C-alpha atoms as a PDB file:
ATOM      1  CA  UNK A   1      10.760   2.482  -2.619  1.00  0.00           C
ATOM      2  CA  UNK A   2      12.486   0.810  -5.168  1.00  0.00           C
ATOM      3  CA  UNK A   3      15.218   2.659  -7.302  1.00  0.00           C
ATOM      4  CA  UNK A   4      13.907   3.659 -10.516  1.00  0.00           C
ATOM      5  CA  UNK A   5      16.377   3.773 -13.919  1.00  0.00           C
ATOM      6  CA  UNK A   6      15.161   7.336 -14.957  1.00  0.00           C
ATOM      7  CA  UNK A   7      18.311   7.949 -16.360  1.00  0.00           C
ATOM      8  CA  UNK A   8      18.710   4.821 -18.570  1.00  0.00           C
ATOM      9  CA  UNK A   9      15.005   6.165 -19.709  1.00  0.00           C
ATOM     10  CA  UNK A  10      16.123   9.332 -20.098  1.00  0.00           C
ATOM     11  CA  UNK A  11      18.842   8.552 -22.311  1.00  0.00           C
ATOM     12  CA  UNK A  12      16.906   6.200 -24.360  1.00  0.00           C
ATOM     13  CA  UNK A  13      13.889   8.421 -24.944  1.00  0.00           C
ATOM     14  CA  UNK A  14      15.673  11.726 -24.255  1.00  0.00           C
ATOM     15  CA  UNK A  15      12.929  12.475 -21.525  1.00  0.00           C
ATOM     16  CA  UNK A  16      14.016  15.360 -18.928  1.00  0.00           C
ATOM     17  CA  UNK A  17      12.779  15.475 -15.086  1.00  0.00           C
ATOM     18  CA  UNK A  18       9.602  17.321 -15.855  1.00  0.00           C
ATOM     19  CA  UNK A  19       8.854  14.696 -18.877  1.00  0.00           C
ATOM     20  CA  UNK A  20       9.335  12.034 -17.125  1.00  0.00           C
ATOM     21  CA  UNK A  21       6.710  13.448 -13.852  1.00  0.00           C
ATOM     22  CA  UNK A  22       4.007  14.365 -16.554  1.00  0.00           C
ATOM     23  CA  UNK A  23       4.033  10.996 -18.441  1.00  0.00           C
ATOM     24  CA  UNK A  24       3.446   9.403 -14.718  1.00  0.00           C
ATOM     25  CA  UNK A  25       0.590  12.033 -14.231  1.00  0.00           C
ATOM     26  CA  UNK A  26      -1.093  11.160 -17.540  1.00  0.00           C
ATOM     27  CA  UNK A  27      -3.990   8.725 -17.942  1.00  0.00           C
ATOM     28  CA  UNK A  28      -4.767   6.104 -20.388  1.00  0.00           C
ATOM     29  CA  UNK A  29      -8.046   7.949 -21.852  1.00  0.00           C
ATOM     30  CA  UNK A  30     -10.272   7.200 -24.669  1.00  0.00           C
ATOM     31  CA  UNK A  31      -9.481  10.701 -25.963  1.00  0.00           C
ATOM     32  CA  UNK A  32      -7.701  13.945 -24.499  1.00  0.00           C
ATOM     33  CA  UNK A  33     -10.121  16.362 -22.530  1.00  0.00           C
ATOM     34  CA  UNK A  34     -11.207  18.731 -24.861  1.00  0.00           C
ATOM     35  CA  UNK A  35     -12.443  21.546 -22.065  1.00  0.00           C
ATOM     36  CA  UNK A  36     -11.964  21.549 -17.936  1.00  0.00           C
ATOM     37  CA  UNK A  37     -15.175  19.745 -17.487  1.00  0.00           C
ATOM     38  CA  UNK A  38     -15.392  17.318 -20.291  1.00  0.00           C
ATOM     39  CA  UNK A  39     -17.686  14.248 -19.377  1.00  0.00           C
ATOM     40  CA  UNK A  40     -16.960  12.089 -22.255  1.00  0.00           C
ATOM     41  CA  UNK A  41     -13.419  11.292 -21.182  1.00  0.00           C
ATOM     42  CA  UNK A  42     -13.113   7.857 -19.258  1.00  0.00           C
ATOM     43  CA  UNK A  43      -9.850   7.325 -17.415  1.00  0.00           C
ATOM     44  CA  UNK A  44      -9.724   3.599 -17.788  1.00  0.00           C
ATOM     45  CA  UNK A  45      -6.802   3.124 -15.704  1.00  0.00           C
ATOM     46  CA  UNK A  46      -8.527   4.612 -12.538  1.00  0.00           C
ATOM     47  CA  UNK A  47     -11.845   2.660 -13.502  1.00  0.00           C
ATOM     48  CA  UNK A  48     -10.098  -0.753 -13.769  1.00  0.00           C
ATOM     49  CA  UNK A  49      -7.951  -0.409 -10.137  1.00  0.00           C
ATOM     50  CA  UNK A  50     -11.139   1.611  -8.750  1.00  0.00           C
ATOM     51  CA  UNK A  51     -13.280  -1.776  -9.794  1.00  0.00           C
ATOM     52  CA  UNK A  52     -10.647  -4.124  -9.049  1.00  0.00           C
ATOM     53  CA  UNK A  53      -9.796  -2.930  -5.479  1.00  0.00           C
ATOM     54  CA  UNK A  54     -13.424  -2.549  -4.503  1.00  0.00           C
ATOM     55  CA  UNK A  55     -13.918  -6.366  -5.603  1.00  0.00           C
ATOM     56  CA  UNK A  56     -10.880  -7.204  -3.427  1.00  0.00           C
ATOM     57  CA  UNK A  57     -12.388  -5.267  -0.419  1.00  0.00           C
ATOM     58  CA  UNK A  58     -15.866  -7.080  -0.572  1.00  0.00           C
ATOM     59  CA  UNK A  59     -13.915  -9.860  -0.611  1.00  0.00           C
ATOM     60  CA  UNK A  60     -12.043  -9.604   2.194  1.00  0.00           C
ATOM     61  CA  UNK A  61     -15.250  -8.075   4.150  1.00  0.00           C
ATOM     62  CA  UNK A  62     -17.450 -11.049   2.889  1.00  0.00           C
ATOM     63  CA  UNK A  63     -14.560 -13.563   4.119  1.00  0.00           C
ATOM     64  CA  UNK A  64     -14.114 -12.061   7.341  1.00  0.00           C
ATOM     65  CA  UNK A  65     -17.853 -12.432   7.837  1.00  0.00           C
ATOM     66  CA  UNK A  66     -17.981 -15.876   6.445  1.00  0.00           C
ATOM     67  CA  UNK A  67     -15.025 -17.131   8.725  1.00  0.00           C
ATOM     68  CA  UNK A  68     -15.952 -15.251  11.829  1.00  0.00           C
ATOM     69  CA  UNK A  69     -16.657 -17.981  14.802  1.00  0.00           C
ATOM     70  CA  UNK A  70     -17.770 -17.418  18.563  1.00  0.00           C
ATOM     71  CA  UNK A  71     -14.445 -18.380  19.869  1.00  0.00           C
ATOM     72  CA  UNK A  72     -11.028 -16.812  20.055  1.00  0.00           C
ATOM     73  CA  UNK A  73     -10.787 -14.734  16.701  1.00  0.00           C
ATOM     74  CA  UNK A  74      -7.823 -15.084  14.645  1.00  0.00           C
ATOM     75  CA  UNK A  75      -5.235 -12.028  13.458  1.00  0.00           C
ATOM     76  CA  UNK A  76      -7.795 -11.256  10.668  1.00  0.00           C
ATOM     77  CA  UNK A  77     -10.884 -11.511  12.110  1.00  0.00           C
ATOM     78  CA  UNK A  78      -9.870  -9.433  15.024  1.00  0.00           C
ATOM     79  CA  UNK A  79      -8.424  -6.651  12.749  1.00  0.00           C
ATOM     80  CA  UNK A  80     -12.213  -6.816  10.908  1.00  0.00           C
ATOM     81  CA  UNK A  81     -14.034  -6.730  14.348  1.00  0.00           C
ATOM     82  CA  UNK A  82     -12.120  -4.219  15.976  1.00  0.00           C
ATOM     83  CA  UNK A  83     -12.848  -1.884  12.510  1.00  0.00           C
ATOM     84  CA  UNK A  84     -16.597  -2.794  12.195  1.00  0.00           C
ATOM     85  CA  UNK A  85     -16.906  -1.677  16.059  1.00  0.00           C
ATOM     86  CA  UNK A  86     -15.229   1.665  15.189  1.00  0.00           C
ATOM     87  CA  UNK A  87     -16.907   2.329  12.140  1.00  0.00           C
ATOM     88  CA  UNK A  88     -20.363   1.029  14.064  1.00  0.00           C
ATOM     89  CA  UNK A  89     -19.714   3.576  17.045  1.00  0.00           C
ATOM     90  CA  UNK A  90     -19.225   6.669  14.804  1.00  0.00           C
ATOM     91  CA  UNK A  91     -22.550   5.279  13.130  1.00  0.00           C
ATOM     92  CA  UNK A  92     -24.435   5.480  16.174  1.00  0.00           C
ATOM     93  CA  UNK A  93     -22.802   8.639  17.311  1.00  0.00           C
ATOM     94  CA  UNK A  94     -23.913  10.562  14.463  1.00  0.00           C
ATOM     95  CA  UNK A  95     -27.015   9.146  12.716  1.00  0.00           C
ATOM     96  CA  UNK A  96     -29.261   8.489  15.395  1.00  0.00           C
ATOM     97  CA  UNK A  97     -31.810   6.624  13.050  1.00  0.00           C
ATOM     98  CA  UNK A  98     -31.428   2.961  14.043  1.00  0.00           C
ATOM     99  CA  UNK A  99     -33.456   2.039  10.629  1.00  0.00           C
ATOM    100  CA  UNK A 100     -31.282   3.954   8.425  1.00  0.00           C
ATOM    101  CA  UNK A 101     -27.833   2.724  10.123  1.00  0.00           C
ATOM    102  CA  UNK A 102     -28.648  -0.551   9.207  1.00  0.00           C
ATOM    103  CA  UNK A 103     -27.695   0.893   5.740  1.00  0.00           C
ATOM    104  CA  UNK A 104     -25.383   3.981   6.529  1.00  0.00           C
ATOM    105  CA  UNK A 105     -22.591   1.947   8.850  1.00  0.00           C
ATOM    106  CA  UNK A 106     -21.850  -1.073   6.570  1.00  0.00           C
ATOM    107  CA  UNK A 107     -21.661   1.734   3.905  1.00  0.00           C
ATOM    108  CA  UNK A 108     -19.362   3.895   5.630  1.00  0.00           C
ATOM    109  CA  UNK A 109     -17.058   0.617   6.239  1.00  0.00           C
ATOM    110  CA  UNK A 110     -17.395  -0.126   2.882  1.00  0.00           C
ATOM    111  CA  UNK A 111     -16.103   3.561   1.925  1.00  0.00           C
ATOM    112  CA  UNK A 112     -13.542   3.390   4.589  1.00  0.00           C
ATOM    113  CA  UNK A 113     -12.019   0.032   3.216  1.00  0.00           C
ATOM    114  CA  UNK A 114     -12.590   0.752  -0.267  1.00  0.00           C
ATOM    115  CA  UNK A 115     -10.589   4.418   0.177  1.00  0.00           C
ATOM    116  CA  UNK A 116      -7.977   2.858   2.060  1.00  0.00           C
ATOM    117  CA  UNK A 117      -7.240   0.422  -0.629  1.00  0.00           C
ATOM    118  CA  UNK A 118      -7.058   2.570  -3.726  1.00  0.00           C
ATOM    119  CA  UNK A 119      -4.823   5.154  -1.402  1.00  0.00           C
ATOM    120  CA  UNK A 120      -2.900   2.300  -0.628  1.00  0.00           C
ATOM    121  CA  UNK A 121      -1.532   1.638  -4.382  1.00  0.00           C
ATOM    122  CA  UNK A 122       0.572   4.848  -3.884  1.00  0.00           C
ATOM    123  CA  UNK A 123       2.914   3.060  -1.579  1.00  0.00           C
ATOM    124  CA  UNK A 124       3.600   0.885  -4.952  1.00  0.00           C
ATOM    125  CA  UNK A 125       7.145   1.914  -6.828  1.00  0.00           C
ATOM    126  CA  UNK A 126       6.016   4.453  -9.231  1.00  0.00           C
ATOM    127  CA  UNK A 127       7.832   2.588 -12.207  1.00  0.00           C
ATOM    128  CA  UNK A 128       6.495  -0.922 -11.243  1.00  0.00           C
ATOM    129  CA  UNK A 129       2.931  -1.276 -12.721  1.00  0.00           C
ATOM    130  CA  UNK A 130       3.537   1.577 -15.384  1.00  0.00           C
ATOM    131  CA  UNK A 131       6.709  -0.465 -16.664  1.00  0.00           C
ATOM    132  CA  UNK A 132       4.558  -3.540 -16.723  1.00  0.00           C
ATOM    133  CA  UNK A 133       1.799  -1.690 -18.817  1.00  0.00           C
ATOM    134  CA  UNK A 134       4.379  -0.828 -20.861  1.00  0.00           C
ATOM    135  CA  UNK A 135       5.932  -4.253 -21.578  1.00  0.00           C
ATOM    136  CA  UNK A 136       2.710  -5.152 -22.101  1.00  0.00           C
ATOM    137  CA  UNK A 137       1.924  -2.500 -24.435  1.00  0.00           C
ATOM    138  CA  UNK A 138       5.169  -3.556 -26.618  1.00  0.00           C
ATOM    139  CA  UNK A 139       4.705  -6.932 -26.307  1.00  0.00           C
ATOM    140  CA  UNK A 140       1.389  -6.065 -28.348  1.00  0.00           C
ATOM    141  CA  UNK A 141       2.894  -4.350 -31.108  1.00  0.00           C
ATOM    142  CA  UNK A 142       2.331  -0.734 -29.622  1.00  0.00           C
ATOM    143  CA  UNK A 143       5.365   1.685 -28.894  1.00  0.00           C
ATOM    144  CA  UNK A 144       5.833   1.047 -25.069  1.00  0.00           C
ATOM    145  CA  UNK A 145       7.141   4.801 -24.373  1.00  0.00           C
ATOM    146  CA  UNK A 146       3.548   6.242 -25.511  1.00  0.00           C
ATOM    147  CA  UNK A 147       1.759   3.700 -22.901  1.00  0.00           C
ATOM    148  CA  UNK A 148       0.543   5.776 -19.592  1.00  0.00           C
ATOM    149  CA  UNK A 149      -0.940   3.801 -16.412  1.00  0.00           C
ATOM    150  CA  UNK A 150      -1.510   5.612 -13.278  1.00  0.00           C
ATOM    151  CA  UNK A 151      -2.317   3.303 -10.452  1.00  0.00           C
ATOM    152  CA  UNK A 152      -3.981   5.343  -7.747  1.00  0.00           C
ATOM    153  CA  UNK A 153      -7.625   5.915  -8.235  1.00  0.00           C
ATOM    154  CA  UNK A 154      -8.199   8.600  -5.678  1.00  0.00           C
ATOM    155  CA  UNK A 155      -5.124  10.940  -7.374  1.00  0.00           C
ATOM    156  CA  UNK A 156      -8.045  11.325 -10.067  1.00  0.00           C
ATOM    157  CA  UNK A 157     -10.151  13.931  -9.749  1.00  0.00           C
ATOM    158  CA  UNK A 158     -13.077  12.422 -11.344  1.00  0.00           C
ATOM    159  CA  UNK A 159     -13.102   9.485  -9.326  1.00  0.00           C
ATOM    160  CA  UNK A 160     -13.062  11.383  -5.785  1.00  0.00           C
ATOM    161  CA  UNK A 161     -15.533  13.693  -7.166  1.00  0.00           C
ATOM    162  CA  UNK A 162     -17.815  10.759  -8.123  1.00  0.00           C
ATOM    163  CA  UNK A 163     -17.088   9.691  -4.837  1.00  0.00           C
ATOM    164  CA  UNK A 164     -18.587  12.550  -2.960  1.00  0.00           C
ATOM    165  CA  UNK A 165     -21.417  13.297  -5.877  1.00  0.00           C
ATOM    166  CA  UNK A 166     -22.831   9.784  -4.529  1.00  0.00           C
ATOM    167  CA  UNK A 167     -22.312  10.898  -1.209  1.00  0.00           C
ATOM    168  CA  UNK A 168     -24.627  13.783  -2.177  1.00  0.00           C
ATOM    169  CA  UNK A 169     -27.305  11.608  -3.672  1.00  0.00           C
ATOM    170  CA  UNK A 170     -27.343   9.350  -0.617  1.00  0.00           C
ATOM    171  CA  UNK A 171     -27.802  12.746   1.504  1.00  0.00           C
ATOM    172  CA  UNK A 172     -30.503  13.894  -0.724  1.00  0.00           C
ATOM    173  CA  UNK A 173     -32.649  10.692  -0.634  1.00  0.00           C
ATOM    174  CA  UNK A 174     -32.589  10.648   3.158  1.00  0.00           C
ATOM    175  CA  UNK A 175     -33.528  13.990   3.503  1.00  0.00           C
ATOM    176  CA  UNK A 176     -36.652  13.373   1.227  1.00  0.00           C
ATOM    177  CA  UNK A 177     -37.287   9.838   2.998  1.00  0.00           C
ATOM    178  CA  UNK A 178     -36.731  11.400   6.902  1.00  0.00           C
ATOM    179  CA  UNK A 179     -38.681  14.594   6.327  1.00  0.00           C
ATOM    180  CA  UNK A 180     -40.967  14.164   3.383  1.00  0.00           C
ATOM    181  CA  UNK A 181     -40.865  15.886   0.214  1.00  0.00           C
ATOM    182  CA  UNK A 182     -42.769  19.145   1.455  1.00  0.00           C
ATOM    183  CA  UNK A 183     -40.921  18.880   4.889  1.00  0.00           C
ATOM    184  CA  UNK A 184     -37.379  19.475   3.247  1.00  0.00           C
ATOM    185  CA  UNK A 185     -38.879  21.923   0.794  1.00  0.00           C
ATOM    186  CA  UNK A 186     -40.005  23.928   3.561  1.00  0.00           C
ATOM    187  CA  UNK A 187     -36.574  23.410   5.188  1.00  0.00           C
ATOM    188  CA  UNK A 188     -34.700  24.666   2.182  1.00  0.00           C
ATOM    189  CA  UNK A 189     -36.879  28.026   2.528  1.00  0.00           C
ATOM    190  CA  UNK A 190     -36.542  28.581   6.322  1.00  0.00           C
ATOM    191  CA  UNK A 191     -33.153  27.441   7.121  1.00  0.00           C
ATOM    192  CA  UNK A 192     -30.579  28.603   8.222  1.00  0.00           C
ATOM    193  CA  UNK A 193     -32.251  32.270   8.433  1.00  0.00           C
ATOM    194  CA  UNK A 194     -36.072  31.355   9.261  1.00  0.00           C
ATOM    195  CA  UNK A 195     -39.023  33.111   8.068  1.00  0.00           C
ATOM    196  CA  UNK A 196     -41.107  36.434   8.456  1.00  0.00           C
ATOM    197  CA  UNK A 197     -44.995  36.734   8.918  1.00  0.00           C
ATOM    198  CA  UNK A 198     -44.105  39.609   6.629  1.00  0.00           C
ATOM    199  CA  UNK A 199     -44.855  38.621   2.979  1.00  0.00           C
ATOM    200  CA  UNK A 200     -42.163  40.382   1.484  1.00  0.00           C
ATOM    201  CA  UNK A 201     -39.857  39.713   3.939  1.00  0.00           C
ATOM    202  CA  UNK A 202     -40.870  35.998   3.838  1.00  0.00           C
ATOM    203  CA  UNK A 203     -40.080  36.098   0.239  1.00  0.00           C
ATOM    204  CA  UNK A 204     -36.721  37.590   0.640  1.00  0.00           C
ATOM    205  CA  UNK A 205     -35.591  35.296   3.414  1.00  0.00           C
ATOM    206  CA  UNK A 206     -37.111  32.346   1.281  1.00  0.00           C
ATOM    207  CA  UNK A 207     -34.697  33.095  -1.155  1.00  0.00           C
ATOM    208  CA  UNK A 208     -31.606  33.610   0.578  1.00  0.00           C
ATOM    209  CA  UNK A 209     -32.164  30.761   2.775  1.00  0.00           C
ATOM    210  CA  UNK A 210     -32.908  28.546  -0.812  1.00  0.00           C
ATOM    211  CA  UNK A 211     -29.631  30.131  -1.925  1.00  0.00           C
ATOM    212  CA  UNK A 212     -27.386  29.400   1.143  1.00  0.00           C
ATOM    213  CA  UNK A 213     -28.708  25.706   0.887  1.00  0.00           C
ATOM    214  CA  UNK A 214     -27.944  25.308  -2.488  1.00  0.00           C
ATOM    215  CA  UNK A 215     -23.859  27.183  -1.907  1.00  0.00           C
ATOM    216  CA  UNK A 216     -23.836  24.475   1.346  1.00  0.00           C
ATOM    217  CA  UNK A 217     -24.689  21.493  -0.640  1.00  0.00           C
ATOM    218  CA  UNK A 218     -22.441  22.357  -3.398  1.00  0.00           C
ATOM    219  CA  UNK A 219     -19.541  23.567  -0.976  1.00  0.00           C
ATOM    220  CA  UNK A 220     -19.832  20.191   0.830  1.00  0.00           C
ATOM    221  CA  UNK A 221     -19.741  18.072  -2.195  1.00  0.00           C
ATOM    222  CA  UNK A 222     -16.496  19.889  -3.940  1.00  0.00           C
ATOM    223  CA  UNK A 223     -14.425  20.297  -0.691  1.00  0.00           C
ATOM    224  CA  UNK A 224     -15.272  16.484   0.169  1.00  0.00           C
ATOM    225  CA  UNK A 225     -13.901  15.406  -3.027  1.00  0.00           C
ATOM    226  CA  UNK A 226     -11.267  17.894  -3.420  1.00  0.00           C
ATOM    227  CA  UNK A 227      -9.732  17.042  -0.025  1.00  0.00           C
ATOM    228  CA  UNK A 228      -9.191  13.565  -0.651  1.00  0.00           C
ATOM    229  CA  UNK A 229      -7.759  13.868  -4.119  1.00  0.00           C
ATOM    230  CA  UNK A 230      -5.236  16.853  -3.112  1.00  0.00           C
ATOM    231  CA  UNK A 231      -3.711  14.851  -0.548  1.00  0.00           C
ATOM    232  CA  UNK A 232      -3.483  12.088  -2.885  1.00  0.00           C
ATOM    233  CA  UNK A 233      -2.027  13.776  -5.641  1.00  0.00           C
ATOM    234  CA  UNK A 234       0.389  15.563  -3.496  1.00  0.00           C
ATOM    235  CA  UNK A 235       1.747  12.499  -2.339  1.00  0.00           C
ATOM    236  CA  UNK A 236       2.316  11.082  -5.741  1.00  0.00           C
ATOM    237  CA  UNK A 237       3.818  14.153  -6.644  1.00  0.00           C
ATOM    238  CA  UNK A 238       6.445  13.530  -4.031  1.00  0.00           C
ATOM    239  CA  UNK A 239       6.818   9.774  -4.425  1.00  0.00           C
ATOM    240  CA  UNK A 240       7.899  11.135  -8.407  1.00  0.00           C
ATOM    241  CA  UNK A 241      10.315  13.413  -7.262  1.00  0.00           C
ATOM    242  CA  UNK A 242      12.026  11.298  -4.609  1.00  0.00           C
ATOM    243  CA  UNK A 243      12.130   8.313  -7.751  1.00  0.00           C
ATOM    244  CA  UNK A 244      14.319  11.140  -9.500  1.00  0.00           C
ATOM    245  CA  UNK A 245      16.733  11.245  -6.870  1.00  0.00           C
ATOM    246  CA  UNK A 246      17.384   7.419  -7.294  1.00  0.00           C
ATOM    247  CA  UNK A 247      17.354   7.450 -11.146  1.00  0.00           C
ATOM    248  CA  UNK A 248      20.178  10.060 -11.050  1.00  0.00           C
ATOM    249  CA  UNK A 249      22.269   8.049  -9.183  1.00  0.00           C
ATOM    250  CA  UNK A 250      26.147   7.309 -10.543  1.00  0.00           C
ATOM    251  CA  UNK A 251      29.396   5.838  -9.436  1.00  0.00           C
ATOM    252  CA  UNK A 252      30.660   9.391  -7.872  1.00  0.00           C
ATOM    253  CA  UNK A 253      30.249  10.719  -4.700  1.00  0.00           C
ATOM    254  CA  UNK A 254      27.403  13.015  -5.689  1.00  0.00           C
ATOM    255  CA  UNK A 255      25.776  10.159  -7.305  1.00  0.00           C
ATOM    256  CA  UNK A 256      25.886   7.676  -4.703  1.00  0.00           C
ATOM    257  CA  UNK A 257      24.631  10.919  -1.860  1.00  0.00           C
ATOM    258  CA  UNK A 258      21.533  10.955  -4.194  1.00  0.00           C
ATOM    259  CA  UNK A 259      20.813   7.628  -3.904  1.00  0.00           C
ATOM    260  CA  UNK A 260      21.559   7.086  -0.132  1.00  0.00           C
ATOM    261  CA  UNK A 261      19.007  10.226   0.096  1.00  0.00           C
ATOM    262  CA  UNK A 262      16.550   8.234  -2.385  1.00  0.00           C
ATOM    263  CA  UNK A 263      16.432   5.400   0.294  1.00  0.00           C
ATOM    264  CA  UNK A 264      16.366   7.142   3.044  1.00  0.00           C
ATOM    265  CA  UNK A 265      13.689   9.840   1.931  1.00  0.00           C
ATOM    266  CA  UNK A 266      11.869   7.079   0.164  1.00  0.00           C
ATOM    267  CA  UNK A 267      11.284   5.015   3.273  1.00  0.00           C
ATOM    268  CA  UNK A 268      10.818   8.056   5.650  1.00  0.00           C
ATOM    269  CA  UNK A 269       7.977   9.234   3.300  1.00  0.00           C
ATOM    270  CA  UNK A 270       6.055   5.824   2.813  1.00  0.00           C
ATOM    271  CA  UNK A 271       6.203   5.250   6.447  1.00  0.00           C
ATOM    272  CA  UNK A 272       4.861   9.020   7.104  1.00  0.00           C
ATOM    273  CA  UNK A 273       2.434   7.874   3.849  1.00  0.00           C
ATOM    274  CA  UNK A 274       0.652   5.130   5.427  1.00  0.00           C
ATOM    275  CA  UNK A 275      -0.519   7.691   8.181  1.00  0.00           C
ATOM    276  CA  UNK A 276      -2.030   9.471   5.294  1.00  0.00           C
ATOM    277  CA  UNK A 277      -3.664   7.070   3.364  1.00  0.00           C
ATOM    278  CA  UNK A 278      -5.182   5.839   6.602  1.00  0.00           C
ATOM    279  CA  UNK A 279      -6.422   9.272   7.979  1.00  0.00           C
ATOM    280  CA  UNK A 280      -7.974  10.412   4.467  1.00  0.00           C
ATOM    281  CA  UNK A 281      -9.817   7.226   4.307  1.00  0.00           C
ATOM    282  CA  UNK A 282     -11.194   7.675   7.826  1.00  0.00           C
ATOM    283  CA  UNK A 283     -11.947  11.676   7.091  1.00  0.00           C
ATOM    284  CA  UNK A 284     -13.535  10.984   3.924  1.00  0.00           C
ATOM    285  CA  UNK A 285     -15.632   8.126   5.879  1.00  0.00           C
ATOM    286  CA  UNK A 286     -16.228  10.210   8.610  1.00  0.00           C
ATOM    287  CA  UNK A 287     -17.679  13.267   6.541  1.00  0.00           C
ATOM    288  CA  UNK A 288     -20.056  10.944   4.427  1.00  0.00           C
ATOM    289  CA  UNK A 289     -21.540  10.180   7.946  1.00  0.00           C
ATOM    290  CA  UNK A 290     -21.667  13.811   9.080  1.00  0.00           C
ATOM    291  CA  UNK A 291     -23.647  14.725   6.264  1.00  0.00           C
ATOM    292  CA  UNK A 292     -25.540  11.826   6.147  1.00  0.00           C
ATOM    293  CA  UNK A 293     -26.442  12.630   9.817  1.00  0.00           C
ATOM    294  CA  UNK A 294     -27.155  16.219   8.781  1.00  0.00           C
ATOM    295  CA  UNK A 295     -29.929  14.666   6.510  1.00  0.00           C
ATOM    296  CA  UNK A 296     -31.602  13.181   9.547  1.00  0.00           C
ATOM    297  CA  UNK A 297     -31.398  16.454  11.477  1.00  0.00           C
ATOM    298  CA  UNK A 298     -34.587  18.949  11.097  1.00  0.00           C
ATOM    299  CA  UNK A 299     -33.561  22.728  11.527  1.00  0.00           C
END
């Protein structure tokens, strides 16, 4: 990770370390949130990077499919084939409906590649894209100090929760498609505690079963999105803390030591973070497959 000149920026704008971090953790929004859950707020930076990376991901997969040959594959084709086989094997082991897998397997592949690409934005120097955005705002006549640009869409809770809610909606669709509306409604009031021949106990168990099913759907959806967000937000914050070490360097023993620690820590964390961004994309994909597989299973 490149050294950021935080000291110079702090001297120019009077920023403290806390203000520097807060500035980098602020979204480019249409207006500030008025409550904890304000659905009128749009984080433009997350939307722009997510859409752009989604298009790039689809293009890469399309290009691999278009240039695929039956002979000895090149490195890019071989890597995509390994990825496709891995995802297809996981889908076959979890979703046993062959007809559903025609949609679910490509969906899982797209989700893995897209989330990996969004996670990988965290490996860019923390001041690179914000500085470019500030320069563009300055060129347009705006105050560059107040320009905000966050480049990691998966460090945005609204983005990860949007992904998890999308998985939930697909799960609900397959619940109805595979089991029928009547079959799924029957499952909602009979699983997981079963039912009873006694009308009173049947009603009580039906209410408990329905409540447990709703809790399960909500818990799975929230944990699905929060897991990805929490890991990527923590990684982004650690990169910012490491950047502060590089910004505090000076021509002194302490300053040079901070610069060396910045380089070593930044390199080590970036290498380790490659594992994190891959693992989090894989975990999100696997959980999506598990939830979709559960939607096909009858209790």
